[in-house]
Amino acid sequence: MIAAGSRTRVAAVWLVLVAATFFSWESACSSGDYRLASSAVLLIAFVKARLIGLEFMELRAAPLALRLIFEGWAGTACAGLLALYWWAPAPATL
């Protein structure tokens, strides 16, 4: 059985994930600069992945080495993808 405090935490994280999903959808649909919107969506996706890993995969209570590996992966992958995205030449417009 799940403790009451844990239920509250899971519900709060779930609400944050839903809000982040709506925010990323809205920023992708209404932004004029597609590169900024794409970067925002990618950043939100990695924040969501981190929350899922920590809360729903229980990495928050995992051994320190495992948690550090996960945190390092999330940060490095996000930074690497954003760097590659911004260093790539912009596509030519017609």
PDB file of N, CA and C in Angstrom:
ATOM      1  N   MET A   1       0.839  -1.175   0.000  1.00  0.00           N
ATOM      2  CA  MET A   1       0.000   0.000   0.000  1.00  0.00           C
ATOM      3  C   MET A   1       0.890   1.246   0.000  1.00  0.00           C
ATOM      4  N   ILE A   2       0.468   2.257  -0.718  1.00  0.00           N
ATOM      5  CA  ILE A   2       1.237   3.494  -0.842  1.00  0.00           C
ATOM      6  C   ILE A   2       0.873   4.428   0.308  1.00  0.00           C
ATOM      7  N   ALA A   3       1.890   5.009   0.921  1.00  0.00           N
ATOM      8  CA  ALA A   3       1.666   5.946   2.018  1.00  0.00           C
ATOM      9  C   ALA A   3       1.002   7.223   1.496  1.00  0.00           C
ATOM     10  N   ALA A   4       0.297   7.917   2.374  1.00  0.00           N
ATOM     11  CA  ALA A   4      -0.440   9.118   1.977  1.00  0.00           C
ATOM     12  C   ALA A   4       0.497  10.206   1.452  1.00  0.00           C
ATOM     13  N   GLY A   5       1.629  10.419   2.097  1.00  0.00           N
ATOM     14  CA  GLY A   5       2.585  11.427   1.644  1.00  0.00           C
ATOM     15  C   GLY A   5       3.159  11.093   0.284  1.00  0.00           C
ATOM     16  N   SER A   6       3.366   9.808   0.046  1.00  0.00           N
ATOM     17  CA  SER A   6       3.893   9.368  -1.238  1.00  0.00           C
ATOM     18  C   SER A   6       2.859   9.580  -2.343  1.00  0.00           C
ATOM     19  N   ARG A   7       1.591   9.332  -2.020  1.00  0.00           N
ATOM     20  CA  ARG A   7       0.530   9.566  -3.003  1.00  0.00           C
ATOM     21  C   ARG A   7       0.467  11.035  -3.393  1.00  0.00           C
ATOM     22  N   THR A   8       0.598  11.898  -2.423  1.00  0.00           N
ATOM     23  CA  THR A   8       0.559  13.331  -2.682  1.00  0.00           C
ATOM     24  C   THR A   8       1.725  13.730  -3.578  1.00  0.00           C
ATOM     25  N   ARG A   9       2.897  13.189  -3.310  1.00  0.00           N
ATOM     26  CA  ARG A   9       4.084  13.502  -4.110  1.00  0.00           C
ATOM     27  C   ARG A   9       3.919  12.997  -5.545  1.00  0.00           C
ATOM     28  N   VAL A  10       3.431  11.779  -5.698  1.00  0.00           N
ATOM     29  CA  VAL A  10       3.226  11.212  -7.027  1.00  0.00           C
ATOM     30  C   VAL A  10       2.181  12.028  -7.793  1.00  0.00           C
ATOM     31  N   ALA A  11       1.113  12.419  -7.111  1.00  0.00           N
ATOM     32  CA  ALA A  11       0.084  13.225  -7.764  1.00  0.00           C
ATOM     33  C   ALA A  11       0.636  14.581  -8.185  1.00  0.00           C
ATOM     34  N   ALA A  12       1.453  15.188  -7.341  1.00  0.00           N
ATOM     35  CA  ALA A  12       2.048  16.483  -7.683  1.00  0.00           C
ATOM     36  C   ALA A  12       2.981  16.354  -8.883  1.00  0.00           C
ATOM     37  N   VAL A  13       3.790  15.310  -8.912  1.00  0.00           N
ATOM     38  CA  VAL A  13       4.701  15.098 -10.041  1.00  0.00           C
ATOM     39  C   VAL A  13       3.902  14.849 -11.307  1.00  0.00           C
ATOM     40  N   TRP A  14       2.834  14.085 -11.194  1.00  0.00           N
ATOM     41  CA  TRP A  14       1.989  13.817 -12.353  1.00  0.00           C
ATOM     42  C   TRP A  14       1.394  15.114 -12.900  1.00  0.00           C
ATOM     43  N   LEU A  15       0.924  15.978 -12.012  1.00  0.00           N
ATOM     44  CA  LEU A  15       0.376  17.259 -12.459  1.00  0.00           C
ATOM     45  C   LEU A  15       1.439  18.128 -13.134  1.00  0.00           C
ATOM     46  N   VAL A  16       2.664  18.105 -12.607  1.00  0.00           N
ATOM     47  CA  VAL A  16       3.760  18.844 -13.240  1.00  0.00           C
ATOM     48  C   VAL A  16       4.044  18.280 -14.632  1.00  0.00           C
ATOM     49  N   LEU A  17       4.021  16.964 -14.775  1.00  0.00           N
ATOM     50  CA  LEU A  17       4.259  16.337 -16.078  1.00  0.00           C
ATOM     51  C   LEU A  17       3.173  16.711 -17.078  1.00  0.00           C
ATOM     52  N   VAL A  18       1.927  16.718 -16.640  1.00  0.00           N
ATOM     53  CA  VAL A  18       0.823  17.104 -17.527  1.00  0.00           C
ATOM     54  C   VAL A  18       0.958  18.567 -17.924  1.00  0.00           C
ATOM     55  N   ALA A  19       1.259  19.428 -16.969  1.00  0.00           N
ATOM     56  CA  ALA A  19       1.434  20.850 -17.274  1.00  0.00           C
ATOM     57  C   ALA A  19       2.605  21.059 -18.238  1.00  0.00           C
ATOM     58  N   ALA A  20       3.685  20.333 -18.047  1.00  0.00           N
ATOM     59  CA  ALA A  20       4.844  20.458 -18.940  1.00  0.00           C
ATOM     60  C   ALA A  20       4.493  19.989 -20.351  1.00  0.00           C
ATOM     61  N   THR A  21       3.673  18.953 -20.444  1.00  0.00           N
ATOM     62  CA  THR A  21       3.239  18.474 -21.759  1.00  0.00           C
ATOM     63  C   THR A  21       2.427  19.543 -22.474  1.00  0.00           C
ATOM     64  N   PHE A  22       1.485  20.145 -21.773  1.00  0.00           N
ATOM     65  CA  PHE A  22       0.689  21.208 -22.388  1.00  0.00           C
ATOM     66  C   PHE A  22       1.552  22.417 -22.758  1.00  0.00           C
ATOM     67  N   PHE A  23       2.502  22.763 -21.895  1.00  0.00           N
ATOM     68  CA  PHE A  23       3.371  23.899 -22.171  1.00  0.00           C
ATOM     69  C   PHE A  23       4.238  23.642 -23.402  1.00  0.00           C
ATOM     70  N   SER A  24       4.797  22.440 -23.519  1.00  0.00           N
ATOM     71  CA  SER A  24       5.637  22.142 -24.681  1.00  0.00           C
ATOM     72  C   SER A  24       4.805  22.106 -25.961  1.00  0.00           C
ATOM     73  N   TRP A  25       3.597  21.597 -25.876  1.00  0.00           N
ATOM     74  CA  TRP A  25       2.718  21.580 -27.043  1.00  0.00           C
ATOM     75  C   TRP A  25       2.377  23.003 -27.468  1.00  0.00           C
ATOM     76  N   GLU A  26       2.047  23.837 -26.509  1.00  0.00           N
ATOM     77  CA  GLU A  26       1.689  25.219 -26.802  1.00  0.00           C
ATOM     78  C   GLU A  26       2.883  25.995 -27.361  1.00  0.00           C
ATOM     79  N   SER A  27       4.058  25.793 -26.794  1.00  0.00           N
ATOM     80  CA  SER A  27       5.225  26.526 -27.292  1.00  0.00           C
ATOM     81  C   SER A  27       5.597  26.074 -28.701  1.00  0.00           C
ATOM     82  N   ALA A  28       5.375  24.817 -29.010  1.00  0.00           N
ATOM     83  CA  ALA A  28       5.680  24.323 -30.353  1.00  0.00           C
ATOM     84  C   ALA A  28       4.678  24.849 -31.373  1.00  0.00           C
ATOM     85  N   CYS A  29       3.442  25.038 -30.968  1.00  0.00           N
ATOM     86  CA  CYS A  29       2.401  25.478 -31.906  1.00  0.00           C
ATOM     87  C   CYS A  29       2.355  26.982 -32.102  1.00  0.00           C
ATOM     88  N   SER A  30       2.725  27.758 -31.090  1.00  0.00           N
ATOM     89  CA  SER A  30       2.489  29.195 -31.182  1.00  0.00           C
ATOM     90  C   SER A  30       3.757  30.041 -31.301  1.00  0.00           C
ATOM     91  N   SER A  31       4.900  29.426 -31.333  1.00  0.00           N
ATOM     92  CA  SER A  31       6.131  30.207 -31.370  1.00  0.00           C
ATOM     93  C   SER A  31       6.463  30.615 -32.801  1.00  0.00           C
ATOM     94  N   GLY A  32       6.988  31.824 -32.942  1.00  0.00           N
ATOM     95  CA  GLY A  32       7.396  32.294 -34.255  1.00  0.00           C
ATOM     96  C   GLY A  32       8.767  31.766 -34.650  1.00  0.00           C
ATOM     97  N   ASP A  33       9.658  31.630 -33.683  1.00  0.00           N
ATOM     98  CA  ASP A  33      11.003  31.130 -33.955  1.00  0.00           C
ATOM     99  C   ASP A  33      11.041  29.640 -33.672  1.00  0.00           C
ATOM    100  N   TYR A  34      11.106  28.837 -34.730  1.00  0.00           N
ATOM    101  CA  TYR A  34      11.024  27.392 -34.559  1.00  0.00           C
ATOM    102  C   TYR A  34      12.235  26.823 -33.815  1.00  0.00           C
ATOM    103  N   ARG A  35      13.395  27.463 -33.924  1.00  0.00           N
ATOM    104  CA  ARG A  35      14.572  26.918 -33.237  1.00  0.00           C
ATOM    105  C   ARG A  35      14.448  27.088 -31.727  1.00  0.00           C
ATOM    106  N   LEU A  36      13.948  28.223 -31.281  1.00  0.00           N
ATOM    107  CA  LEU A  36      13.734  28.408 -29.843  1.00  0.00           C
ATOM    108  C   LEU A  36      12.639  27.474 -29.336  1.00  0.00           C
ATOM    109  N   ALA A  37      11.573  27.341 -30.109  1.00  0.00           N
ATOM    110  CA  ALA A  37      10.482  26.454 -29.705  1.00  0.00           C
ATOM    111  C   ALA A  37      10.960  25.008 -29.631  1.00  0.00           C
ATOM    112  N   SER A  38      11.740  24.583 -30.604  1.00  0.00           N
ATOM    113  CA  SER A  38      12.265  23.211 -30.591  1.00  0.00           C
ATOM    114  C   SER A  38      13.190  22.992 -29.410  1.00  0.00           C
ATOM    115  N   SER A  39      14.000  23.986 -29.092  1.00  0.00           N
ATOM    116  CA  SER A  39      14.894  23.870 -27.937  1.00  0.00           C
ATOM    117  C   SER A  39      14.102  23.793 -26.642  1.00  0.00           C
ATOM    118  N   ALA A  40      13.053  24.578 -26.536  1.00  0.00           N
ATOM    119  CA  ALA A  40      12.210  24.535 -25.337  1.00  0.00           C
ATOM    120  C   ALA A  40      11.540  23.175 -25.192  1.00  0.00           C
ATOM    121  N   VAL A  41      11.039  22.633 -26.284  1.00  0.00           N
ATOM    122  CA  VAL A  41      10.400  21.310 -26.237  1.00  0.00           C
ATOM    123  C   VAL A  41      11.413  20.248 -25.832  1.00  0.00           C
ATOM    124  N   LEU A  42      12.617  20.312 -26.367  1.00  0.00           N
ATOM    125  CA  LEU A  42      13.646  19.335 -26.018  1.00  0.00           C
ATOM    126  C   LEU A  42      14.045  19.451 -24.546  1.00  0.00           C
ATOM    127  N   LEU A  43      14.195  20.665 -24.065  1.00  0.00           N
ATOM    128  CA  LEU A  43      14.539  20.868 -22.663  1.00  0.00           C
ATOM    129  C   LEU A  43      13.423  20.359 -21.744  1.00  0.00           C
ATOM    130  N   ILE A  44      12.192  20.641 -22.083  1.00  0.00           N
ATOM    131  CA  ILE A  44      11.064  20.159 -21.288  1.00  0.00           C
ATOM    132  C   ILE A  44      11.011  18.634 -21.309  1.00  0.00           C
ATOM    133  N   ALA A  45      11.309  18.026 -22.442  1.00  0.00           N
ATOM    134  CA  ALA A  45      11.309  16.567 -22.534  1.00  0.00           C
ATOM    135  C   ALA A  45      12.332  15.952 -21.589  1.00  0.00           C
ATOM    136  N   PHE A  46      13.502  16.552 -21.480  1.00  0.00           N
ATOM    137  CA  PHE A  46      14.505  16.002 -20.576  1.00  0.00           C
ATOM    138  C   PHE A  46      14.166  16.259 -19.115  1.00  0.00           C
ATOM    139  N   VAL A  47      13.533  17.377 -18.825  1.00  0.00           N
ATOM    140  CA  VAL A  47      13.067  17.608 -17.451  1.00  0.00           C
ATOM    141  C   VAL A  47      12.015  16.567 -17.088  1.00  0.00           C
ATOM    142  N   LYS A  48      11.128  16.279 -18.026  1.00  0.00           N
ATOM    143  CA  LYS A  48      10.106  15.256 -17.782  1.00  0.00           C
ATOM    144  C   LYS A  48      10.738  13.875 -17.607  1.00  0.00           C
ATOM    145  N   ALA A  49      11.736  13.558 -18.429  1.00  0.00           N
ATOM    146  CA  ALA A  49      12.416  12.268 -18.296  1.00  0.00           C
ATOM    147  C   ALA A  49      13.097  12.149 -16.940  1.00  0.00           C
ATOM    148  N   ARG A  50      13.672  13.235 -16.473  1.00  0.00           N
ATOM    149  CA  ARG A  50      14.314  13.229 -15.155  1.00  0.00           C
ATOM    150  C   ARG A  50      13.290  13.016 -14.053  1.00  0.00           C
ATOM    151  N   LEU A  51      12.164  13.712 -14.136  1.00  0.00           N
ATOM    152  CA  LEU A  51      11.114  13.519 -13.133  1.00  0.00           C
ATOM    153  C   LEU A  51      10.586  12.086 -13.135  1.00  0.00           C
ATOM    154  N   ILE A  52      10.387  11.523 -14.308  1.00  0.00           N
ATOM    155  CA  ILE A  52       9.901  10.148 -14.399  1.00  0.00           C
ATOM    156  C   ILE A  52      10.915   9.192 -13.793  1.00  0.00           C
ATOM    157  N   GLY A  53      12.184   9.397 -14.120  1.00  0.00           N
ATOM    158  CA  GLY A  53      13.216   8.530 -13.572  1.00  0.00           C
ATOM    159  C   GLY A  53      13.313   8.618 -12.059  1.00  0.00           C
ATOM    160  N   LEU A  54      13.270   9.826 -11.531  1.00  0.00           N
ATOM    161  CA  LEU A  54      13.415  10.008 -10.087  1.00  0.00           C
ATOM    162  C   LEU A  54      12.195   9.537  -9.312  1.00  0.00           C
ATOM    163  N   GLU A  55      11.007   9.843  -9.808  1.00  0.00           N
ATOM    164  CA  GLU A  55       9.803   9.563  -9.038  1.00  0.00           C
ATOM    165  C   GLU A  55       9.178   8.206  -9.341  1.00  0.00           C
ATOM    166  N   PHE A  56       8.990   7.885 -10.612  1.00  0.00           N
ATOM    167  CA  PHE A  56       8.259   6.676 -10.965  1.00  0.00           C
ATOM    168  C   PHE A  56       9.162   5.459 -11.123  1.00  0.00           C
ATOM    169  N   MET A  57      10.446   5.667 -11.390  1.00  0.00           N
ATOM    170  CA  MET A  57      11.398   4.556 -11.442  1.00  0.00           C
ATOM    171  C   MET A  57      12.186   4.478 -10.141  1.00  0.00           C
ATOM    172  N   GLU A  58      11.840   5.331  -9.202  1.00  0.00           N
ATOM    173  CA  GLU A  58      12.369   5.343  -7.841  1.00  0.00           C
ATOM    174  C   GLU A  58      13.884   5.511  -7.770  1.00  0.00           C
ATOM    175  N   LEU A  59      14.436   6.286  -8.689  1.00  0.00           N
ATOM    176  CA  LEU A  59      15.876   6.553  -8.639  1.00  0.00           C
ATOM    177  C   LEU A  59      16.236   7.556  -7.553  1.00  0.00           C
ATOM    178  N   ARG A  60      15.239   8.247  -7.015  1.00  0.00           N
ATOM    179  CA  ARG A  60      15.494   9.171  -5.912  1.00  0.00           C
ATOM    180  C   ARG A  60      16.051   8.416  -4.703  1.00  0.00           C
ATOM    181  N   ALA A  61      15.574   7.188  -4.489  1.00  0.00           N
ATOM    182  CA  ALA A  61      16.013   6.394  -3.347  1.00  0.00           C
ATOM    183  C   ALA A  61      17.042   5.334  -3.735  1.00  0.00           C
ATOM    184  N   ALA A  62      17.524   5.371  -4.973  1.00  0.00           N
ATOM    185  CA  ALA A  62      18.503   4.394  -5.447  1.00  0.00           C
ATOM    186  C   ALA A  62      19.872   4.688  -4.843  1.00  0.00           C
ATOM    187  N   PRO A  63      20.783   3.726  -4.936  1.00  0.00           N
ATOM    188  CA  PRO A  63      22.156   3.998  -4.496  1.00  0.00           C
ATOM    189  C   PRO A  63      22.726   5.215  -5.229  1.00  0.00           C
ATOM    190  N   LEU A  64      23.578   5.927  -4.542  1.00  0.00           N
ATOM    191  CA  LEU A  64      24.101   7.194  -5.052  1.00  0.00           C
ATOM    192  C   LEU A  64      24.748   7.039  -6.425  1.00  0.00           C
ATOM    193  N   ALA A  65      25.492   5.969  -6.640  1.00  0.00           N
ATOM    194  CA  ALA A  65      26.171   5.783  -7.925  1.00  0.00           C
ATOM    195  C   ALA A  65      25.159   5.677  -9.069  1.00  0.00           C
ATOM    196  N   LEU A  66      24.091   4.931  -8.861  1.00  0.00           N
ATOM    197  CA  LEU A  66      23.078   4.782  -9.899  1.00  0.00           C
ATOM    198  C   LEU A  66      22.372   6.106 -10.178  1.00  0.00           C
ATOM    199  N   ARG A  67      22.065   6.829  -9.116  1.00  0.00           N
ATOM    200  CA  ARG A  67      21.409   8.122  -9.308  1.00  0.00           C
ATOM    201  C   ARG A  67      22.325   9.105 -10.036  1.00  0.00           C
ATOM    202  N   LEU A  68      23.613   9.117  -9.687  1.00  0.00           N
ATOM    203  CA  LEU A  68      24.546  10.017 -10.359  1.00  0.00           C
ATOM    204  C   LEU A  68      24.717   9.655 -11.833  1.00  0.00           C
ATOM    205  N   ILE A  69      24.707   8.370 -12.141  1.00  0.00           N
ATOM    206  CA  ILE A  69      24.787   7.947 -13.543  1.00  0.00           C
ATOM    207  C   ILE A  69      23.568   8.451 -14.309  1.00  0.00           C
ATOM    208  N   PHE A  70      22.401   8.293 -13.713  1.00  0.00           N
ATOM    209  CA  PHE A  70      21.176   8.759 -14.374  1.00  0.00           C
ATOM    210  C   PHE A  70      21.183  10.280 -14.545  1.00  0.00           C
ATOM    211  N   GLU A  71      21.535  11.002 -13.483  1.00  0.00           N
ATOM    212  CA  GLU A  71      21.574  12.466 -13.559  1.00  0.00           C
ATOM    213  C   GLU A  71      22.597  12.927 -14.602  1.00  0.00           C
ATOM    214  N   GLY A  72      23.740  12.259 -14.632  1.00  0.00           N
ATOM    215  CA  GLY A  72      24.763  12.603 -15.618  1.00  0.00           C
ATOM    216  C   GLY A  72      24.312  12.336 -17.037  1.00  0.00           C
ATOM    217  N   TRP A  73      23.629  11.206 -17.229  1.00  0.00           N
ATOM    218  CA  TRP A  73      23.111  10.892 -18.561  1.00  0.00           C
ATOM    219  C   TRP A  73      22.103  11.945 -18.999  1.00  0.00           C
ATOM    220  N   ALA A  74      21.171  12.283 -18.127  1.00  0.00           N
ATOM    221  CA  ALA A  74      20.125  13.250 -18.488  1.00  0.00           C
ATOM    222  C   ALA A  74      20.739  14.606 -18.839  1.00  0.00           C
ATOM    223  N   GLY A  75      21.650  15.078 -18.032  1.00  0.00           N
ATOM    224  CA  GLY A  75      22.272  16.374 -18.295  1.00  0.00           C
ATOM    225  C   GLY A  75      23.144  16.374 -19.540  1.00  0.00           C
ATOM    226  N   THR A  76      23.947  15.335 -19.699  1.00  0.00           N
ATOM    227  CA  THR A  76      24.854  15.253 -20.847  1.00  0.00           C
ATOM    228  C   THR A  76      24.091  15.070 -22.151  1.00  0.00           C
ATOM    229  N   ALA A  77      23.099  14.208 -22.151  1.00  0.00           N
ATOM    230  CA  ALA A  77      22.321  13.984 -23.369  1.00  0.00           C
ATOM    231  C   ALA A  77      21.569  15.242 -23.781  1.00  0.00           C
ATOM    232  N   CYS A  78      20.968  15.917 -22.815  1.00  0.00           N
ATOM    233  CA  CYS A  78      20.231  17.147 -23.122  1.00  0.00           C
ATOM    234  C   CYS A  78      21.178  18.224 -23.651  1.00  0.00           C
ATOM    235  N   ALA A  79      22.272  18.447 -22.959  1.00  0.00           N
ATOM    236  CA  ALA A  79      23.225  19.470 -23.393  1.00  0.00           C
ATOM    237  C   ALA A  79      23.825  19.120 -24.754  1.00  0.00           C
ATOM    238  N   GLY A  80      24.139  17.859 -24.966  1.00  0.00           N
ATOM    239  CA  GLY A  80      24.703  17.440 -26.246  1.00  0.00           C
ATOM    240  C   GLY A  80      23.739  17.627 -27.399  1.00  0.00           C
ATOM    241  N   LEU A  81      22.489  17.245 -27.205  1.00  0.00           N
ATOM    242  CA  LEU A  81      21.507  17.409 -28.272  1.00  0.00           C
ATOM    243  C   LEU A  81      21.228  18.883 -28.565  1.00  0.00           C
ATOM    244  N   LEU A  82      21.131  19.683 -27.508  1.00  0.00           N
ATOM    245  CA  LEU A  82      20.915  21.114 -27.731  1.00  0.00           C
ATOM    246  C   LEU A  82      22.106  21.748 -28.445  1.00  0.00           C
ATOM    247  N   ALA A  83      23.318  21.359 -28.059  1.00  0.00           N
ATOM    248  CA  ALA A  83      24.513  21.910 -28.715  1.00  0.00           C
ATOM    249  C   ALA A  83      24.559  21.506 -30.186  1.00  0.00           C
ATOM    250  N   LEU A  84      24.303  20.247 -30.479  1.00  0.00           N
ATOM    251  CA  LEU A  84      24.296  19.810 -31.882  1.00  0.00           C
ATOM    252  C   LEU A  84      23.211  20.519 -32.683  1.00  0.00           C
ATOM    253  N   TYR A  85      22.072  20.719 -32.054  1.00  0.00           N
ATOM    254  CA  TYR A  85      20.969  21.384 -32.740  1.00  0.00           C
ATOM    255  C   TYR A  85      21.326  22.833 -33.079  1.00  0.00           C
ATOM    256  N   TRP A  86      21.933  23.549 -32.145  1.00  0.00           N
ATOM    257  CA  TRP A  86      22.243  24.959 -32.380  1.00  0.00           C
ATOM    258  C   TRP A  86      23.490  25.154 -33.239  1.00  0.00           C
ATOM    259  N   TRP A  87      24.405  24.198 -33.244  1.00  0.00           N
ATOM    260  CA  TRP A  87      25.589  24.320 -34.079  1.00  0.00           C
ATOM    261  C   TRP A  87      25.336  23.922 -35.522  1.00  0.00           C
ATOM    262  N   ALA A  88      24.250  23.207 -35.759  1.00  0.00           N
ATOM    263  CA  ALA A  88      23.928  22.795 -37.123  1.00  0.00           C
ATOM    264  C   ALA A  88      23.504  24.023 -37.917  1.00  0.00           C
ATOM    265  N   PRO A  89      23.841  24.054 -39.187  1.00  0.00           N
ATOM    266  CA  PRO A  89      23.405  25.207 -39.985  1.00  0.00           C
ATOM    267  C   PRO A  89      21.883  25.204 -40.141  1.00  0.00           C
ATOM    268  N   ALA A  90      21.321  26.388 -40.135  1.00  0.00           N
ATOM    269  CA  ALA A  90      19.866  26.509 -40.324  1.00  0.00           C
ATOM    270  C   ALA A  90      19.524  26.118 -41.755  1.00  0.00           C
ATOM    271  N   PRO A  91      18.400  25.439 -41.926  1.00  0.00           N
ATOM    272  CA  PRO A  91      18.024  25.066 -43.296  1.00  0.00           C
ATOM    273  C   PRO A  91      17.703  26.308 -44.129  1.00  0.00           C
ATOM    274  N   ALA A  92      17.987  26.204 -45.392  1.00  0.00           N
ATOM    275  CA  ALA A  92      17.724  27.321 -46.292  1.00  0.00           C
ATOM    276  C   ALA A  92      16.211  27.474 -46.485  1.00  0.00           C
ATOM    277  N   THR A  93      15.780  28.698 -46.535  1.00  0.00           N
ATOM    278  CA  THR A  93      14.362  28.964 -46.774  1.00  0.00           C
ATOM    279  C   THR A  93      14.147  29.338 -48.233  1.00  0.00           C
ATOM    280  N   LEU A  94      12.994  28.988 -48.715  1.00  0.00           N
ATOM    281  CA  LEU A  94      12.693  29.292 -50.137  1.00  0.00           C
ATOM    282  C   LEU A  94      12.044  30.623 -50.293  1.00  0.00           C
TER     283      LEU A  94
END
